């Protein structure tokens, strides 16, 4: 007598039914990196611009105080992050929902 059903029901549950294509995985990683860059760019760019302006000001006036530049950059970056927090949140929610909704189309049957 031959069995057509598996002996262990757990085996059937744990067997993967599908896998992800290599190109899909690469695309998902690329999109995640792009999203991280797009969200962090305004905050980092504001820090760079303020740092350059304060560096130029300190060089012209010969003020050699490092706390002015550091505290100014921190304050500006926190303000930019606070102002853009709603936009950042919306972008992350859109990315997350698109990612979860694309799971069925990214999975290919064996």
N, C-alpha and C. Protein backbone atom coordinates (compact mmCIF):
# COMPACT_ATOMS: atom_id res chain seq x y z
N UNK A 1 0.84 -1.17 0.00
CA UNK A 1 0.00 0.00 0.00
C UNK A 1 0.90 1.24 0.00
N UNK A 2 0.69 2.11 -0.93
CA UNK A 2 1.49 3.32 -1.01
C UNK A 2 0.68 4.50 -0.47
N UNK A 3 1.42 5.39 0.13
CA UNK A 3 0.78 6.59 0.67
C UNK A 3 0.92 7.72 -0.33
N UNK A 4 -0.17 8.43 -0.53
CA UNK A 4 -0.13 9.59 -1.41
C UNK A 4 -0.04 10.89 -0.62
N UNK A 5 -0.34 10.82 0.65
CA UNK A 5 -0.25 12.01 1.50
C UNK A 5 1.02 11.92 2.33
N UNK A 6 1.61 13.04 2.69
CA UNK A 6 2.81 13.00 3.52
C UNK A 6 2.51 12.41 4.88
N UNK A 7 3.53 11.75 5.45
CA UNK A 7 3.38 11.14 6.76
C UNK A 7 3.21 12.22 7.82
N UNK A 8 3.93 13.27 7.69
CA UNK A 8 3.90 14.35 8.67
C UNK A 8 3.23 15.58 8.05
N UNK A 9 2.22 16.08 8.71
CA UNK A 9 1.51 17.26 8.19
C UNK A 9 2.38 18.51 8.28
N UNK A 10 3.32 18.56 9.22
CA UNK A 10 4.18 19.73 9.39
C UNK A 10 5.07 19.89 8.16
N UNK A 11 5.50 18.80 7.56
CA UNK A 11 6.36 18.86 6.39
C UNK A 11 5.68 19.64 5.27
N UNK A 12 4.39 19.43 5.09
CA UNK A 12 3.66 20.10 4.03
C UNK A 12 3.56 21.61 4.30
N UNK A 13 3.43 21.98 5.56
CA UNK A 13 3.32 23.39 5.92
C UNK A 13 4.66 24.09 5.76
N UNK A 14 5.75 23.44 6.12
CA UNK A 14 7.06 24.06 6.10
C UNK A 14 7.74 24.04 4.74
N UNK A 15 7.22 23.30 3.80
CA UNK A 15 7.81 23.25 2.47
C UNK A 15 7.53 24.56 1.74
N UNK A 16 8.57 25.22 1.25
CA UNK A 16 8.31 26.48 0.53
C UNK A 16 7.59 26.22 -0.78
N UNK A 17 6.58 27.01 -1.03
CA UNK A 17 5.79 26.84 -2.24
C UNK A 17 6.25 27.75 -3.37
N UNK A 18 7.02 28.75 -3.03
CA UNK A 18 7.48 29.68 -4.05
C UNK A 18 8.80 30.29 -3.62
N UNK A 19 9.43 30.97 -4.55
CA UNK A 19 10.70 31.62 -4.27
C UNK A 19 10.73 32.97 -4.99
N UNK A 20 11.70 33.78 -4.64
CA UNK A 20 11.82 35.11 -5.25
C UNK A 20 12.88 35.07 -6.34
N UNK A 21 12.58 35.73 -7.42
CA UNK A 21 13.54 35.86 -8.51
C UNK A 21 14.71 36.74 -8.06
N UNK A 22 15.87 36.53 -8.61
CA UNK A 22 17.05 37.31 -8.25
C UNK A 22 16.88 38.77 -8.63
N UNK A 23 16.31 39.04 -9.78
CA UNK A 23 16.12 40.42 -10.22
C UNK A 23 15.14 41.16 -9.32
N UNK A 24 14.13 40.46 -8.82
CA UNK A 24 13.16 41.08 -7.91
C UNK A 24 13.84 41.47 -6.60
N UNK A 25 14.71 40.60 -6.10
CA UNK A 25 15.43 40.91 -4.86
C UNK A 25 16.36 42.11 -5.06
N UNK A 26 17.02 42.16 -6.20
CA UNK A 26 17.91 43.30 -6.50
C UNK A 26 17.10 44.59 -6.61
N UNK A 27 15.96 44.52 -7.26
CA UNK A 27 15.11 45.71 -7.40
C UNK A 27 14.60 46.19 -6.04
N UNK A 28 14.22 45.27 -5.17
CA UNK A 28 13.75 45.65 -3.84
C UNK A 28 14.85 46.32 -3.03
N UNK A 29 16.07 45.79 -3.12
CA UNK A 29 17.20 46.39 -2.40
C UNK A 29 17.52 47.78 -2.97
N UNK A 30 17.47 47.90 -4.29
CA UNK A 30 17.73 49.20 -4.91
C UNK A 30 16.70 50.23 -4.49
N UNK A 31 15.43 49.85 -4.45
CA UNK A 31 14.37 50.76 -4.03
C UNK A 31 14.51 51.15 -2.57
N UNK A 32 14.94 50.21 -1.73
CA UNK A 32 15.12 50.52 -0.31
C UNK A 32 16.27 51.51 -0.11
N UNK A 33 17.36 51.31 -0.83
CA UNK A 33 18.49 52.24 -0.73
C UNK A 33 18.10 53.61 -1.25
N UNK A 34 17.36 53.65 -2.36
CA UNK A 34 16.92 54.93 -2.92
C UNK A 34 16.01 55.67 -1.94
N UNK A 35 15.09 54.93 -1.30
CA UNK A 35 14.18 55.55 -0.34
C UNK A 35 14.96 56.09 0.86
N UNK A 36 15.93 55.36 1.35
CA UNK A 36 16.74 55.83 2.48
C UNK A 36 17.52 57.09 2.11
N UNK A 37 18.05 57.13 0.89
CA UNK A 37 18.78 58.32 0.45
C UNK A 37 17.84 59.50 0.29
N UNK A 38 16.66 59.27 -0.28
CA UNK A 38 15.73 60.36 -0.51
C UNK A 38 15.22 60.96 0.80
N UNK A 39 15.02 60.12 1.80
CA UNK A 39 14.52 60.61 3.08
C UNK A 39 15.61 61.32 3.87
N UNK A 40 16.84 60.83 3.81
CA UNK A 40 17.90 61.43 4.61
C UNK A 40 18.57 62.63 3.94
N UNK A 41 18.39 62.77 2.63
CA UNK A 41 19.08 63.84 1.90
C UNK A 41 18.76 65.25 2.40
N UNK A 42 17.51 65.64 2.65
CA UNK A 42 17.27 67.02 3.09
C UNK A 42 17.96 67.36 4.42
N UNK A 43 17.96 66.44 5.34
CA UNK A 43 18.59 66.69 6.64
C UNK A 43 20.10 66.79 6.48
N UNK A 44 20.69 65.86 5.75
CA UNK A 44 22.13 65.89 5.56
C UNK A 44 22.58 67.09 4.73
N UNK A 45 21.81 67.42 3.71
CA UNK A 45 22.15 68.55 2.87
C UNK A 45 22.09 69.86 3.65
N UNK A 46 21.12 70.01 4.53
CA UNK A 46 21.04 71.23 5.35
C UNK A 46 22.25 71.32 6.28
N UNK A 47 22.70 70.21 6.82
CA UNK A 47 23.90 70.21 7.66
C UNK A 47 25.14 70.60 6.88
N UNK A 48 25.25 70.12 5.65
CA UNK A 48 26.41 70.45 4.81
C UNK A 48 26.40 71.94 4.44
N UNK A 49 25.23 72.45 4.06
CA UNK A 49 25.15 73.86 3.66
C UNK A 49 25.46 74.78 4.84
N UNK A 50 24.89 74.49 5.99
CA UNK A 50 25.17 75.32 7.17
C UNK A 50 26.64 75.19 7.57
N UNK A 51 27.19 74.00 7.47
CA UNK A 51 28.61 73.81 7.79
C UNK A 51 29.52 74.62 6.87
N UNK A 52 29.20 74.62 5.58
CA UNK A 52 30.00 75.41 4.63
C UNK A 52 29.86 76.91 4.89
N UNK A 53 28.64 77.36 5.14
CA UNK A 53 28.45 78.80 5.40
C UNK A 53 29.15 79.23 6.69
N UNK A 54 29.03 78.44 7.73
CA UNK A 54 29.69 78.80 8.98
C UNK A 54 31.21 78.67 8.87
N UNK A 55 31.68 77.69 8.11
CA UNK A 55 33.11 77.57 7.89
C UNK A 55 33.68 78.78 7.16
N UNK A 56 32.95 79.23 6.15
CA UNK A 56 33.36 80.42 5.41
C UNK A 56 33.33 81.65 6.32
N UNK A 57 32.28 81.79 7.12
CA UNK A 57 32.17 82.91 8.05
C UNK A 57 33.31 82.89 9.07
N UNK A 58 33.61 81.72 9.60
CA UNK A 58 34.69 81.61 10.58
C UNK A 58 36.04 81.89 9.95
N UNK A 59 36.22 81.49 8.72
CA UNK A 59 37.50 81.76 8.04
C UNK A 59 37.66 83.25 7.75
N UNK A 60 36.57 83.91 7.38
CA UNK A 60 36.64 85.34 7.09
C UNK A 60 36.84 86.18 8.34
N UNK A 61 36.23 85.77 9.44
CA UNK A 61 36.34 86.56 10.68
C UNK A 61 37.42 86.04 11.61
N UNK A 62 38.07 84.96 11.26
CA UNK A 62 39.12 84.32 12.05
C UNK A 62 38.64 83.90 13.44
N UNK A 63 37.37 83.51 13.52
CA UNK A 63 36.83 82.92 14.75
C UNK A 63 37.12 81.42 14.68
N UNK A 64 37.79 80.91 15.68
CA UNK A 64 38.18 79.49 15.69
C UNK A 64 37.42 78.70 16.75
N UNK A 65 36.17 78.99 16.94
CA UNK A 65 35.36 78.30 17.94
C UNK A 65 34.56 77.18 17.26
N UNK A 66 34.83 75.95 17.63
CA UNK A 66 34.18 74.80 16.99
C UNK A 66 32.76 74.58 17.47
N UNK A 67 32.43 75.03 18.68
CA UNK A 67 31.08 74.78 19.19
C UNK A 67 30.04 75.57 18.41
N UNK A 68 30.41 76.69 17.85
CA UNK A 68 29.45 77.47 17.04
C UNK A 68 28.99 76.64 15.85
N UNK A 69 29.92 76.04 15.15
CA UNK A 69 29.57 75.26 13.97
C UNK A 69 28.80 74.00 14.34
N UNK A 70 29.24 73.31 15.37
CA UNK A 70 28.59 72.04 15.73
C UNK A 70 27.18 72.26 16.23
N UNK A 71 27.01 73.21 17.14
CA UNK A 71 25.68 73.47 17.69
C UNK A 71 24.74 73.99 16.60
N UNK A 72 25.23 74.86 15.74
CA UNK A 72 24.40 75.39 14.65
C UNK A 72 23.95 74.29 13.71
N UNK A 73 24.86 73.39 13.36
CA UNK A 73 24.49 72.28 12.46
C UNK A 73 23.46 71.38 13.11
N UNK A 74 23.64 71.07 14.38
CA UNK A 74 22.69 70.20 15.08
C UNK A 74 21.31 70.84 15.14
N UNK A 75 21.26 72.13 15.48
CA UNK A 75 19.97 72.82 15.58
C UNK A 75 19.27 72.86 14.23
N UNK A 76 20.00 73.19 13.17
CA UNK A 76 19.39 73.27 11.84
C UNK A 76 18.92 71.90 11.38
N UNK A 77 19.71 70.87 11.62
CA UNK A 77 19.32 69.53 11.19
C UNK A 77 18.09 69.04 11.94
N UNK A 78 17.99 69.37 13.23
CA UNK A 78 16.80 68.98 14.00
C UNK A 78 15.58 69.74 13.50
N UNK A 79 15.73 71.03 13.20
CA UNK A 79 14.61 71.81 12.67
C UNK A 79 14.14 71.29 11.31
N UNK A 80 15.08 70.97 10.44
CA UNK A 80 14.71 70.44 9.12
C UNK A 80 14.02 69.08 9.27
N UNK A 81 14.54 68.24 10.16
CA UNK A 81 13.91 66.94 10.38
C UNK A 81 12.50 67.11 10.96
N UNK A 82 12.32 68.07 11.87
CA UNK A 82 11.00 68.29 12.44
C UNK A 82 10.02 68.84 11.40
N UNK A 83 10.50 69.74 10.55
CA UNK A 83 9.62 70.31 9.53
C UNK A 83 9.25 69.28 8.45
N UNK A 84 10.18 68.41 8.11
CA UNK A 84 9.93 67.43 7.05
C UNK A 84 9.44 66.08 7.57
N UNK A 85 9.21 65.98 8.88
CA UNK A 85 8.78 64.70 9.44
C UNK A 85 7.47 64.19 8.82
N UNK A 86 6.46 65.05 8.60
CA UNK A 86 5.24 64.53 7.94
C UNK A 86 5.51 63.98 6.53
N UNK A 87 6.32 64.68 5.76
CA UNK A 87 6.66 64.20 4.42
C UNK A 87 7.42 62.88 4.49
N UNK A 88 8.39 62.79 5.42
CA UNK A 88 9.15 61.55 5.57
C UNK A 88 8.24 60.39 5.97
N UNK A 89 7.30 60.66 6.86
CA UNK A 89 6.38 59.62 7.29
C UNK A 89 5.50 59.15 6.14
N UNK A 90 4.99 60.08 5.35
CA UNK A 90 4.16 59.72 4.20
C UNK A 90 4.95 58.87 3.21
N UNK A 91 6.19 59.26 2.93
CA UNK A 91 7.02 58.50 2.00
C UNK A 91 7.28 57.08 2.51
N UNK A 92 7.56 56.95 3.80
CA UNK A 92 7.82 55.63 4.37
C UNK A 92 6.57 54.76 4.36
N UNK A 93 5.41 55.35 4.64
CA UNK A 93 4.16 54.59 4.60
C UNK A 93 3.86 54.14 3.18
N UNK A 94 4.05 55.03 2.20
CA UNK A 94 3.84 54.64 0.80
C UNK A 94 4.77 53.52 0.39
N UNK A 95 6.04 53.63 0.77
CA UNK A 95 7.01 52.59 0.41
C UNK A 95 6.63 51.26 1.06
N UNK A 96 6.28 51.31 2.34
CA UNK A 96 5.94 50.08 3.05
C UNK A 96 4.71 49.42 2.47
N UNK A 97 3.67 50.21 2.17
CA UNK A 97 2.46 49.61 1.61
C UNK A 97 2.73 49.04 0.21
N UNK A 98 3.51 49.75 -0.61
CA UNK A 98 3.87 49.21 -1.92
C UNK A 98 4.67 47.92 -1.79
N UNK A 99 5.55 47.88 -0.80
CA UNK A 99 6.37 46.68 -0.59
C UNK A 99 5.50 45.50 -0.19
N UNK A 100 4.57 45.71 0.74
CA UNK A 100 3.71 44.61 1.17
C UNK A 100 2.74 44.18 0.08
N UNK A 101 2.26 45.12 -0.70
CA UNK A 101 1.33 44.77 -1.77
C UNK A 101 2.02 44.07 -2.94
N UNK A 102 3.33 44.25 -3.07
CA UNK A 102 4.05 43.61 -4.17
C UNK A 102 4.56 42.22 -3.82
N UNK A 103 4.30 41.76 -2.62
CA UNK A 103 4.78 40.42 -2.24
C UNK A 103 4.21 39.33 -3.16
N UNK A 104 2.90 39.30 -3.45
CA UNK A 104 2.41 38.22 -4.32
C UNK A 104 3.01 38.23 -5.72
N UNK A 105 3.23 39.40 -6.29
CA UNK A 105 3.77 39.43 -7.67
C UNK A 105 5.28 39.18 -7.70
N UNK A 106 5.97 39.37 -6.56
CA UNK A 106 7.41 39.09 -6.53
C UNK A 106 7.72 37.63 -6.28
N UNK A 107 6.74 36.90 -5.84
CA UNK A 107 6.96 35.48 -5.56
C UNK A 107 6.54 34.67 -6.79
N UNK A 108 7.40 33.78 -7.21
CA UNK A 108 7.11 32.93 -8.37
C UNK A 108 6.97 31.49 -7.91
N UNK A 109 6.01 30.76 -8.45
CA UNK A 109 5.88 29.34 -8.05
C UNK A 109 7.07 28.52 -8.52
N UNK A 110 7.29 27.41 -7.84
CA UNK A 110 8.40 26.52 -8.19
C UNK A 110 8.24 26.00 -9.58
